[in-house]
Amino acid sequence: MSCLTFLFLYAGLVSQATNVFSIPLSQDVRDAIDEYVSQKQQFRSNDALILSNRLEEMESMRAKDVEFLTDRLTEVENMRAKDVEILTSRLAEEENMRAKDVEMLTNRITEVENIRGNDLQLFTNRLLEVGNMRAKELEIITSRLTEVENMCNKDVEILTSGIPEVKIISSKEVHAQINRSSEVESIYGKNDVKDLTNRLKDLTNNNSKDVKTLTKLPAAFQAQSIAKRTPLKMRPRVASVIDWVAFHAILPVTIHDPAPGHIVPYSNMKTNIGTGYDAKTGVFTCNTPGLYVFSWSIRIAEPAHGLETELILNGATVGYNTSGGGDNSAWGYGSATVTLYLQERDEVWVRSAEKVAGVSIVSNSMFTGFLLHT
């Protein structure tokens, strides 16, 4: 119980006691009570004023809080609206980029399909060409074999027809020798005739051996004709099929201040036999292993600045080229040639290296490569 409440209760009790018992109070007591009551009323008025001021202060603070929260809410709503606008714009941009990517990939797929169709047509035509060449070569070889067989048959016929003549000649010589021996015997005597008879037998044996040798000659001559003479005449008529690889491309636009390591995109394709060069990336990919020759040229618009370029094989530098950097002519030029042995799937390209700031690679710079030997 507070002190103020206690005093009010006390005053009430006193008032009731006074009324009941009619006890008279002295003036000092009444004045003290009145002063106390007045003081408490003054305290109450002050408390009411303080509370009223505090209430007004709280109302003011509440109004400020409401205003602050309202402003903050408005700000948050504005930020939310901006975020929604940004996200909506970003979403539309992503949708556009997605549509462009889909279009680009669709075009790329169509391009690859066209390239595949062209490759199939090319390989089909090449296969037909090889088949026709093979048929022609088989026809030539067959004709040549027939010709060789006819030549062998003629040789055999000539040799065979010559053997009876040899026998006839030998027989005639024997009879002539016998007749001759009779004449000699009548002139020189029997001993000399005996020696001549033995000599005649030797000649007859030798003739028999010669006839047997001539009989074996056709088969040997036929084998020799097929093994030695025929390939020599056929060799110029037979040629192997060679896979040719060559490309030539030109830079169609100017490249301003290229960064070191920038691949020079020679995208204006003039020749691409073997389809090893990619005009979009500027990279040549080896499909046929062998010895290749590469040459590239760089023309710059600021000859006093200077630019170095490199020929790259699978990320490693294999050639250098310097353009400009010394004269005051209208253009700066530089070219280089490199010979490399490539394996399948090796990649070759041209990239920028050291440079002076502000240099530009102008159009009509060129990149060329071809297969020299497999």
Protein backbone atom coordinates (compact mmCIF):
# COMPACT_ATOMS: atom_id res chain seq x y z
CA MET A 1 0.00 0.00 0.00
CA SER A 2 1.35 3.39 -0.97
CA CYS A 3 1.74 6.27 1.47
CA LEU A 4 -0.86 8.37 -0.36
CA THR A 5 -3.46 5.64 -0.04
CA PHE A 6 -2.69 5.22 3.61
CA LEU A 7 -3.21 8.93 4.29
CA PHE A 8 -6.53 8.94 2.48
CA LEU A 9 -7.72 6.00 4.55
CA TYR A 10 -6.50 7.64 7.69
CA ALA A 11 -8.29 10.86 6.87
CA GLY A 12 -11.51 8.93 6.23
CA LEU A 13 -11.23 7.10 9.52
CA VAL A 14 -10.57 10.31 11.33
CA SER A 15 -13.56 11.93 9.65
CA GLN A 16 -15.79 9.05 10.58
CA ALA A 17 -14.43 8.95 14.10
CA THR A 18 -15.04 12.66 14.43
CA ASN A 19 -18.53 12.32 13.19
CA VAL A 20 -19.24 9.29 15.38
CA PHE A 21 -17.61 10.35 18.46
CA SER A 22 -17.80 14.05 17.70
CA ILE A 23 -14.28 14.46 18.89
CA PRO A 24 -13.19 17.99 18.25
CA LEU A 25 -9.86 18.51 16.47
CA SER A 26 -7.55 21.26 17.23
CA GLN A 27 -6.83 23.88 14.60
CA ASP A 28 -3.21 22.81 14.26
CA VAL A 29 -4.23 19.31 13.49
CA ARG A 30 -6.72 20.50 10.94
CA ASP A 31 -4.19 22.81 9.36
CA ALA A 32 -1.62 20.00 9.21
CA ILE A 33 -4.18 17.74 7.65
CA ASP A 34 -5.22 20.41 5.18
CA GLU A 35 -1.60 21.18 4.36
CA TYR A 36 -0.86 17.49 3.90
CA VAL A 37 -3.91 17.05 1.70
CA SER A 38 -3.00 20.16 -0.30
CA GLN A 39 0.56 18.92 -0.67
CA LYS A 40 -0.63 15.55 -1.84
CA GLN A 41 -3.03 17.21 -4.27
CA GLN A 42 -0.10 19.24 -5.56
CA PHE A 43 1.93 16.05 -5.93
CA ARG A 44 -1.01 14.47 -7.70
CA SER A 45 -1.26 17.43 -10.06
CA ASN A 46 2.48 17.26 -10.74
CA ASP A 47 2.26 13.51 -11.31
CA ALA A 48 -0.70 14.04 -13.62
CA LEU A 49 1.24 16.72 -15.51
CA ILE A 50 4.33 14.49 -15.75
CA LEU A 51 2.24 11.59 -16.88
CA SER A 52 0.41 13.80 -19.37
CA ASN A 53 3.74 15.10 -20.75
CA ARG A 54 5.10 11.58 -20.84
CA LEU A 55 1.96 10.43 -22.61
CA GLU A 56 2.30 13.24 -25.15
CA GLU A 57 5.98 12.32 -25.56
CA MET A 58 5.06 8.69 -26.09
CA GLU A 59 2.35 9.70 -28.55
CA SER A 60 4.91 11.84 -30.39
CA MET A 61 7.48 9.03 -30.38
CA ARG A 62 4.79 6.62 -31.54
CA ALA A 63 3.84 9.00 -34.34
CA LYS A 64 7.53 9.31 -35.33
CA ASP A 65 7.93 5.51 -35.16
CA VAL A 66 4.83 5.07 -37.30
CA GLU A 67 6.15 7.66 -39.76
CA PHE A 68 9.62 6.04 -39.77
CA LEU A 69 8.17 2.57 -40.23
CA THR A 70 5.85 3.87 -42.93
CA ASP A 71 8.80 5.46 -44.76
CA ARG A 72 10.85 2.32 -44.26
CA LEU A 73 8.00 0.20 -45.55
CA THR A 74 7.66 2.48 -48.57
CA GLU A 75 11.43 2.25 -49.14
CA VAL A 76 11.32 -1.54 -48.86
CA GLU A 77 8.39 -1.64 -51.28
CA ASN A 78 10.33 0.57 -53.70
CA MET A 79 13.42 -1.63 -53.33
CA ARG A 80 11.27 -4.71 -53.85
CA ALA A 81 9.76 -3.13 -56.96
CA LYS A 82 13.26 -2.29 -58.26
CA ASP A 83 14.45 -5.81 -57.45
CA VAL A 84 11.45 -7.25 -59.25
CA GLU A 85 12.17 -4.98 -62.22
CA ILE A 86 15.88 -5.92 -62.22
CA LEU A 87 15.12 -9.62 -61.90
CA THR A 88 12.45 -9.39 -64.59
CA SER A 89 14.91 -7.62 -66.88
CA ARG A 90 17.62 -10.15 -66.05
CA LEU A 91 15.20 -12.99 -66.67
CA ALA A 92 14.25 -11.50 -70.05
CA GLU A 93 17.96 -11.08 -70.85
CA GLU A 94 18.66 -14.70 -69.89
CA GLU A 95 15.73 -15.82 -72.01
CA ASN A 96 17.11 -13.84 -74.96
CA MET A 97 20.58 -15.27 -74.40
CA ARG A 98 19.08 -18.75 -74.13
CA ALA A 99 17.14 -18.18 -77.36
CA LYS A 100 20.34 -16.98 -79.06
CA ASP A 101 22.27 -19.99 -77.73
CA VAL A 102 19.54 -22.33 -78.95
CA GLU A 103 19.58 -20.60 -82.34
CA MET A 104 23.38 -20.72 -82.51
CA LEU A 105 23.46 -24.40 -81.51
CA THR A 106 20.68 -25.18 -83.99
CA ASN A 107 22.64 -23.42 -86.73
CA ARG A 108 25.78 -25.23 -85.66
CA ILE A 109 23.97 -28.58 -85.74
CA THR A 110 22.64 -27.73 -89.19
CA GLU A 111 26.13 -26.72 -90.29
CA VAL A 112 27.62 -29.93 -88.89
CA GLU A 113 24.91 -31.94 -90.60
CA ASN A 114 25.68 -30.16 -93.87
CA ILE A 115 29.39 -30.75 -93.41
CA ARG A 116 28.67 -34.39 -92.59
CA GLY A 117 26.52 -34.65 -95.71
CA ASN A 118 29.27 -33.05 -97.78
CA ASP A 119 31.83 -35.38 -96.24
CA LEU A 120 29.65 -38.39 -96.98
CA GLN A 121 29.19 -37.19 -100.55
CA LEU A 122 32.92 -36.51 -100.85
CA PHE A 123 33.86 -39.91 -99.45
CA THR A 124 31.22 -41.61 -101.59
CA ASN A 125 32.57 -39.91 -104.70
CA ARG A 126 36.11 -40.71 -103.64
CA LEU A 127 35.15 -44.33 -103.02
CA LEU A 128 33.55 -44.51 -106.46
CA GLU A 129 36.62 -42.90 -107.96
CA VAL A 130 38.92 -45.37 -106.20
CA GLY A 131 36.65 -48.23 -107.29
CA ASN A 132 36.78 -47.01 -110.90
CA MET A 133 40.56 -46.60 -110.69
CA ARG A 134 40.83 -50.10 -109.21
CA ALA A 135 38.65 -51.52 -111.99
CA LYS A 136 40.79 -49.75 -114.62
CA GLU A 137 43.99 -50.98 -113.00
CA LEU A 138 42.62 -54.52 -112.82
CA GLU A 139 41.64 -54.27 -116.48
CA ILE A 140 45.14 -53.02 -117.36
CA ILE A 141 46.79 -55.75 -115.26
CA THR A 142 44.53 -58.42 -116.76
CA SER A 143 45.28 -57.16 -120.26
CA ARG A 144 48.97 -57.09 -119.47
CA LEU A 145 48.88 -60.61 -118.04
CA THR A 146 47.09 -61.81 -121.17
CA GLU A 147 49.72 -60.08 -123.26
CA VAL A 148 52.51 -61.68 -121.24
CA GLU A 149 50.89 -65.10 -121.48
CA ASN A 150 50.62 -64.68 -125.26
CA MET A 151 54.28 -63.67 -125.36
CA CYS A 152 55.19 -66.72 -123.28
CA ASN A 153 53.13 -68.96 -125.50
CA LYS A 154 54.83 -67.55 -128.56
CA ASP A 155 58.24 -68.04 -126.94
CA VAL A 156 57.31 -71.62 -126.04
CA GLU A 157 56.00 -72.21 -129.55
CA ILE A 158 59.18 -70.79 -131.05
CA LEU A 159 61.40 -72.89 -128.80
CA THR A 160 59.29 -76.01 -129.28
CA SER A 161 59.23 -75.61 -133.04
CA GLY A 162 63.00 -75.20 -133.02
CA ILE A 163 63.72 -78.50 -131.24
CA PRO A 164 62.77 -80.89 -134.14
CA GLU A 165 64.89 -78.78 -136.47
CA VAL A 166 67.82 -79.28 -134.12
CA LYS A 167 67.19 -83.03 -134.13
CA ILE A 168 66.94 -83.10 -137.93
CA ILE A 169 70.11 -81.07 -138.29
CA SER A 170 71.89 -83.34 -135.81
CA SER A 171 70.71 -86.45 -137.68
CA LYS A 172 71.86 -85.05 -140.99
CA GLU A 173 75.23 -84.19 -139.48
CA VAL A 174 75.54 -87.74 -138.10
CA HIS A 175 74.81 -89.32 -141.48
CA ALA A 176 77.17 -86.93 -143.14
CA GLN A 177 79.82 -87.80 -140.61
CA ILE A 178 79.26 -91.55 -141.22
CA ASN A 179 79.58 -91.10 -144.97
CA ARG A 180 82.56 -88.94 -144.36
CA SER A 181 84.08 -91.63 -142.13
CA SER A 182 83.78 -94.22 -144.89
CA GLU A 183 85.63 -91.94 -147.20
CA VAL A 184 88.28 -91.24 -144.56
CA GLU A 185 88.60 -94.93 -143.76
CA SER A 186 89.32 -95.71 -147.40
CA ILE A 187 91.94 -92.99 -147.47
CA TYR A 188 93.62 -93.09 -144.00
CA GLY A 189 93.03 -96.57 -142.59
CA LYS A 190 91.01 -98.25 -139.85
CA ASN A 191 92.78 -96.83 -136.78
CA ASP A 192 92.18 -93.27 -137.80
CA VAL A 193 88.60 -94.15 -138.64
CA LYS A 194 88.11 -95.60 -135.14
CA ASP A 195 89.28 -92.39 -133.54
CA LEU A 196 86.99 -90.38 -135.75
CA THR A 197 84.09 -92.71 -134.88
CA ASN A 198 84.62 -92.09 -131.16
CA ARG A 199 84.74 -88.40 -131.84
CA LEU A 200 81.46 -88.64 -133.71
CA LYS A 201 79.81 -90.43 -130.73
CA ASP A 202 80.93 -87.62 -128.46
CA LEU A 203 79.38 -85.09 -130.81
CA THR A 204 76.13 -87.14 -130.83
CA ASN A 205 75.98 -87.22 -127.01
CA ASN A 206 76.60 -83.51 -126.84
CA ASN A 207 73.80 -82.90 -129.32
CA SER A 208 71.42 -85.02 -127.20
CA LYS A 209 72.27 -82.96 -124.10
CA ASP A 210 71.68 -79.75 -126.04
CA VAL A 211 68.25 -81.00 -127.15
CA LYS A 212 67.27 -81.84 -123.53
CA THR A 213 68.40 -78.38 -122.40
CA LEU A 214 66.35 -76.71 -125.10
CA THR A 215 63.33 -78.78 -124.06
CA LYS A 216 63.54 -77.36 -120.49
CA LEU A 217 63.93 -73.75 -121.68
CA PRO A 218 60.21 -72.89 -122.29
CA ALA A 219 59.14 -73.38 -118.63
CA ALA A 220 62.17 -71.50 -117.32
CA PHE A 221 61.68 -68.74 -119.85
CA GLN A 222 57.97 -68.46 -118.95
CA ALA A 223 58.79 -68.08 -115.22
CA GLN A 224 61.47 -65.52 -116.03
CA SER A 225 59.04 -63.56 -118.21
CA ILE A 226 56.37 -63.38 -115.51
CA ALA A 227 58.79 -62.64 -112.64
CA LYS A 228 61.03 -60.06 -114.33
CA ARG A 229 59.74 -58.62 -117.54
CA THR A 230 56.06 -58.10 -116.69
CA PRO A 231 56.45 -55.92 -113.50
CA LEU A 232 58.81 -53.58 -115.29
CA LYS A 233 56.19 -52.78 -117.89
CA MET A 234 53.30 -52.71 -115.45
CA ARG A 235 54.96 -50.47 -112.86
CA PRO A 236 54.34 -47.13 -114.59
CA ARG A 237 50.66 -47.99 -115.03
CA VAL A 238 49.91 -48.51 -111.29
CA ALA A 239 49.75 -45.50 -108.92
CA SER A 240 48.86 -45.39 -105.22
CA VAL A 241 46.08 -43.19 -103.85
CA ILE A 242 47.40 -40.23 -101.78
CA ASP A 243 45.34 -38.26 -99.24
CA TRP A 244 46.08 -34.62 -100.03
CA VAL A 245 45.92 -32.05 -97.18
CA ALA A 246 46.23 -28.28 -97.73
CA PHE A 247 44.64 -25.08 -96.45
CA HIS A 248 44.93 -21.35 -97.05
CA ALA A 249 43.08 -18.67 -95.04
CA ILE A 250 43.14 -14.85 -94.85
CA LEU A 251 42.41 -12.52 -91.92
CA PRO A 252 39.29 -10.55 -93.02
CA VAL A 253 39.19 -7.88 -90.25
CA THR A 254 41.57 -5.71 -88.22
CA ILE A 255 42.49 -6.82 -84.67
CA HIS A 256 43.22 -3.80 -82.44
CA ASP A 257 45.83 -4.12 -79.69
CA PRO A 258 45.73 -7.96 -79.36
CA ALA A 259 46.57 -9.38 -75.94
CA PRO A 260 49.53 -11.79 -75.62
CA GLY A 261 48.35 -15.32 -76.37
CA HIS A 262 45.46 -14.16 -78.59
CA ILE A 263 44.82 -16.67 -81.41
CA VAL A 264 44.83 -14.95 -84.81
CA PRO A 265 41.53 -16.06 -86.48
CA TYR A 266 42.30 -16.41 -90.20
CA SER A 267 38.61 -16.98 -90.98
CA ASN A 268 38.36 -16.15 -94.70
CA MET A 269 38.84 -19.67 -96.04
CA LYS A 270 40.26 -19.99 -99.55
CA THR A 271 41.41 -23.63 -99.56
CA ASN A 272 40.71 -26.44 -97.12
CA ILE A 273 41.51 -29.82 -98.66
CA GLY A 274 41.08 -32.48 -95.99
CA THR A 275 38.93 -30.18 -93.78
CA GLY A 276 41.65 -29.96 -91.14
CA TYR A 277 41.50 -26.16 -90.65
CA ASP A 278 38.72 -24.62 -88.53
CA ALA A 279 37.99 -21.07 -89.74
CA LYS A 280 36.05 -20.22 -86.57
CA THR A 281 38.84 -21.04 -84.13
CA GLY A 282 41.89 -20.53 -86.37
CA VAL A 283 43.24 -23.97 -85.37
CA PHE A 284 44.49 -26.67 -87.76
CA THR A 285 43.93 -30.27 -86.56
CA CYS A 286 46.00 -33.05 -88.13
CA ASN A 287 43.99 -35.98 -89.47
CA THR A 288 46.75 -37.50 -91.62
CA PRO A 289 50.17 -38.00 -89.94
CA GLY A 290 53.15 -36.80 -91.96
CA LEU A 291 55.56 -33.98 -92.74
CA TYR A 292 53.81 -30.58 -93.00
CA VAL A 293 54.88 -27.09 -94.09
CA PHE A 294 53.27 -24.03 -92.41
CA SER A 295 53.68 -20.39 -93.42
CA TRP A 296 52.05 -17.29 -91.95
CA SER A 297 52.28 -13.54 -92.55
CA ILE A 298 51.36 -10.61 -90.31
CA ARG A 299 50.73 -7.05 -91.51
CA ILE A 300 50.43 -4.26 -88.91
CA ALA A 301 49.17 -0.70 -89.26
CA GLU A 302 51.76 0.88 -86.94
CA PRO A 303 55.17 -0.28 -88.26
CA ALA A 304 57.13 1.57 -85.56
CA HIS A 305 55.32 -0.27 -82.76
CA GLY A 306 56.26 -3.87 -83.57
CA LEU A 307 54.54 -7.20 -82.90
CA GLU A 308 55.80 -10.76 -82.38
CA THR A 309 53.69 -13.80 -83.31
CA GLU A 310 54.30 -17.49 -82.64
CA LEU A 311 53.42 -20.75 -84.33
CA ILE A 312 52.05 -23.11 -81.65
CA LEU A 313 52.01 -26.93 -81.71
CA ASN A 314 49.84 -28.41 -78.94
CA GLY A 315 50.56 -25.39 -76.71
CA ALA A 316 54.34 -25.29 -77.34
CA THR A 317 56.04 -22.59 -79.43
CA VAL A 318 57.71 -23.98 -82.58
CA GLY A 319 58.17 -20.80 -84.66
CA TYR A 320 58.50 -17.01 -84.37
CA ASN A 321 57.69 -14.03 -86.57
CA THR A 322 58.37 -10.30 -86.01
CA SER A 323 56.46 -7.53 -87.82
CA GLY A 324 57.37 -3.83 -87.84
CA GLY A 325 59.32 -2.24 -85.03
CA GLY A 326 61.93 -0.35 -87.01
CA ASP A 327 60.83 1.78 -89.95
CA ASN A 328 58.36 4.54 -90.72
CA SER A 329 56.70 3.00 -93.76
CA ALA A 330 52.93 2.85 -94.17
CA TRP A 331 52.76 -0.81 -93.15
CA GLY A 332 54.79 -3.31 -91.20
CA TYR A 333 55.21 -6.84 -92.52
CA GLY A 334 56.54 -10.12 -91.21
CA SER A 335 56.37 -13.74 -92.38
CA ALA A 336 57.84 -17.12 -91.41
CA THR A 337 57.83 -20.75 -92.57
CA VAL A 338 58.12 -23.88 -90.40
CA THR A 339 58.33 -27.58 -91.27
CA LEU A 340 56.84 -30.00 -88.71
CA TYR A 341 56.12 -33.71 -88.45
CA LEU A 342 52.59 -34.10 -87.04
CA GLN A 343 50.84 -37.02 -85.47
CA GLU A 344 47.09 -37.55 -85.68
CA ARG A 345 45.04 -35.03 -83.57
CA ASP A 346 48.00 -32.61 -83.24
CA GLU A 347 46.86 -28.96 -83.30
CA VAL A 348 48.67 -25.97 -84.83
CA TRP A 349 47.73 -22.27 -84.65
CA VAL A 350 49.18 -18.71 -84.72
CA ARG A 351 49.01 -16.45 -81.67
CA SER A 352 50.26 -13.00 -80.68
CA ALA A 353 53.21 -12.64 -78.27
CA GLU A 354 55.30 -9.61 -77.26
CA LYS A 355 54.09 -6.26 -78.61
CA VAL A 356 54.12 -2.49 -78.23
CA ALA A 357 50.82 -1.11 -76.91
CA GLY A 358 48.50 0.22 -79.58
CA VAL A 359 49.58 -2.07 -82.41
CA SER A 360 46.92 -3.51 -84.74
CA ILE A 361 46.93 -6.57 -87.01
CA VAL A 362 45.25 -5.48 -90.24
CA SER A 363 43.34 -7.59 -92.74
CA ASN A 364 44.93 -9.62 -95.56
CA SER A 365 47.36 -11.35 -93.20
CA MET A 366 47.56 -15.01 -94.28
CA PHE A 367 48.04 -18.53 -92.88
CA THR A 368 48.93 -21.52 -95.12
CA GLY A 369 49.77 -25.18 -94.52
CA PHE A 370 50.04 -28.38 -96.55
CA LEU A 371 51.06 -32.04 -96.27
CA LEU A 372 54.46 -32.55 -97.87
CA HIS A 373 55.01 -36.26 -97.32
CA THR A 374 53.36 -39.09 -95.39
